[in-house]
Protein backbone atom coordinates (compact mmCIF):
# COMPACT_ATOMS: atom_id res chain seq x y z
CA MET A 1 109.27 117.00 186.57
CA ALA A 2 111.81 114.47 187.81
CA GLN A 3 115.45 115.56 187.92
CA SER A 4 116.52 112.90 185.40
CA ALA A 5 113.83 114.01 182.93
CA LEU A 6 114.97 117.63 183.29
CA LYS A 7 118.60 116.63 182.63
CA LEU A 8 117.51 114.64 179.59
CA ASP A 9 115.55 117.61 178.23
CA GLU A 10 118.54 119.91 178.75
CA ALA A 11 120.90 117.48 177.02
CA PHE A 12 118.59 116.98 174.03
CA HIS A 13 118.02 120.73 173.75
CA ALA A 14 121.77 121.34 173.77
CA LEU A 15 122.38 118.62 171.21
CA SER A 16 119.62 119.87 168.91
CA ASP A 17 121.83 122.66 167.57
CA PRO A 18 124.40 121.75 164.88
CA ASN A 19 126.86 124.38 166.15
CA ARG A 20 126.86 122.82 169.61
CA ARG A 21 127.35 119.36 168.13
CA ALA A 22 130.29 120.74 166.13
CA ILE A 23 131.80 122.17 169.32
CA LEU A 24 131.46 118.80 171.06
CA THR A 25 133.10 117.09 168.10
CA VAL A 26 136.10 119.42 168.31
CA ILE A 27 136.54 119.23 172.09
CA ARG A 28 136.19 115.47 171.98
CA GLY A 29 139.83 115.55 170.87
CA GLY A 30 140.98 117.58 173.88
CA ARG A 31 140.58 120.83 175.77
CA ARG A 32 140.12 123.98 173.70
CA ALA A 33 139.87 127.69 174.42
CA VAL A 34 136.96 129.77 173.11
CA GLY A 35 139.24 131.53 170.62
CA GLU A 36 140.52 128.23 169.26
CA LEU A 37 136.99 126.93 168.84
CA ALA A 38 135.88 130.15 167.15
CA GLY A 39 138.75 129.97 164.67
CA GLN A 40 138.33 126.30 163.92
CA LEU A 41 134.55 126.49 163.53
CA GLU A 42 134.50 129.89 161.81
CA MET A 43 132.19 131.37 164.43
CA SER A 44 132.48 134.50 166.54
CA GLN A 45 133.87 134.09 170.05
CA GLN A 46 130.61 135.53 171.38
CA ASN A 47 128.60 132.87 169.54
CA VAL A 48 130.91 130.08 170.73
CA SER A 49 130.63 131.38 174.31
CA HIS A 50 126.84 131.32 174.09
CA HIS A 51 126.82 127.73 172.86
CA LEU A 52 129.32 126.69 175.53
CA LYS A 53 127.01 128.12 178.22
CA VAL A 54 124.14 126.00 176.90
CA LEU A 55 126.38 122.92 176.80
CA ASP A 56 127.64 123.66 180.31
CA ARG A 57 124.08 124.02 181.70
CA ALA A 58 123.28 120.65 180.14
CA GLY A 59 126.32 119.10 181.81
CA LEU A 60 127.97 118.25 178.50
CA VAL A 61 131.17 120.27 178.92
CA THR A 62 133.51 121.18 181.71
CA SER A 63 135.86 124.12 181.92
CA THR A 64 139.18 124.72 183.61
CA ARG A 65 141.18 127.88 183.92
CA GLU A 66 144.73 127.99 182.64
CA GLY A 67 146.12 131.46 183.23
CA THR A 68 143.71 133.87 181.57
CA ARG A 69 142.18 131.23 179.32
CA HIS A 70 139.17 129.05 179.98
CA LEU A 71 139.63 125.63 178.42
CA TYR A 72 136.59 123.52 177.62
CA ALA A 73 136.44 119.74 177.40
CA LEU A 74 133.78 117.14 176.78
CA ARG A 75 132.08 115.85 179.91
CA VAL A 76 131.37 112.24 179.05
CA GLU A 77 129.20 111.82 182.14
CA GLY A 78 126.82 114.38 180.68
CA LEU A 79 126.30 112.22 177.62
CA ALA A 80 125.36 109.29 179.87
CA VAL A 81 121.87 110.77 180.39
CA GLY A 82 121.04 110.45 176.69
CA LYS A 83 122.74 107.08 176.40
CA ALA A 84 120.69 105.73 179.32
CA PHE A 85 117.50 106.94 177.65
CA PHE A 86 118.29 105.12 174.40
CA ASP A 87 119.61 102.03 176.16
CA GLU A 88 116.11 101.47 177.55
CA PHE A 89 114.89 100.76 174.03
CA TRP A 90 117.50 98.20 172.98
CA PRO A 91 116.50 95.13 175.02
CA GLU A 92 112.93 95.34 173.72
CA ARG A 93 114.08 95.87 170.12
CA LEU A 94 116.61 93.03 170.33
CA THR A 95 113.96 90.68 171.70
CA MET A 96 111.62 91.61 168.84
CA LEU A 97 114.43 91.06 166.31
CA LYS A 98 115.24 87.67 167.86
CA HIS A 99 111.58 86.58 167.66
CA ALA A 100 111.33 87.72 164.03
CA ALA A 101 114.50 85.81 163.10
CA GLU A 102 113.29 82.69 164.89
CA SER A 103 109.91 83.00 163.17
CA GLN A 104 111.60 83.16 159.76
CA GLU A 105 113.71 80.10 160.61
CA ASP A 106 110.56 78.17 161.53
CA HIS A 107 108.92 79.07 158.22
CA GLY A 108 112.05 78.82 156.07
């Protein structure tokens, strides 16, 4: 399997879980520690840590160490894999929409 297809599969797998999407939504606003995420999302720290590992493997988060705390942040570059996949569909869809609109103008 090509590397880009593997990355896409990992990203979609990570994003398939609502808890992981909730984590991404929170860290979109800035770096957060596991304990902060657990409190805000009403999840155990162990559960948050598990989800962060999945998100990290998929390249969707990054972590930095600040003293004894690990702070997690959104890795926008990781989202680019999914965006690129969906972007491939838009030119074709826009062309079809343009032809349909032009067809209606010709008949209207």
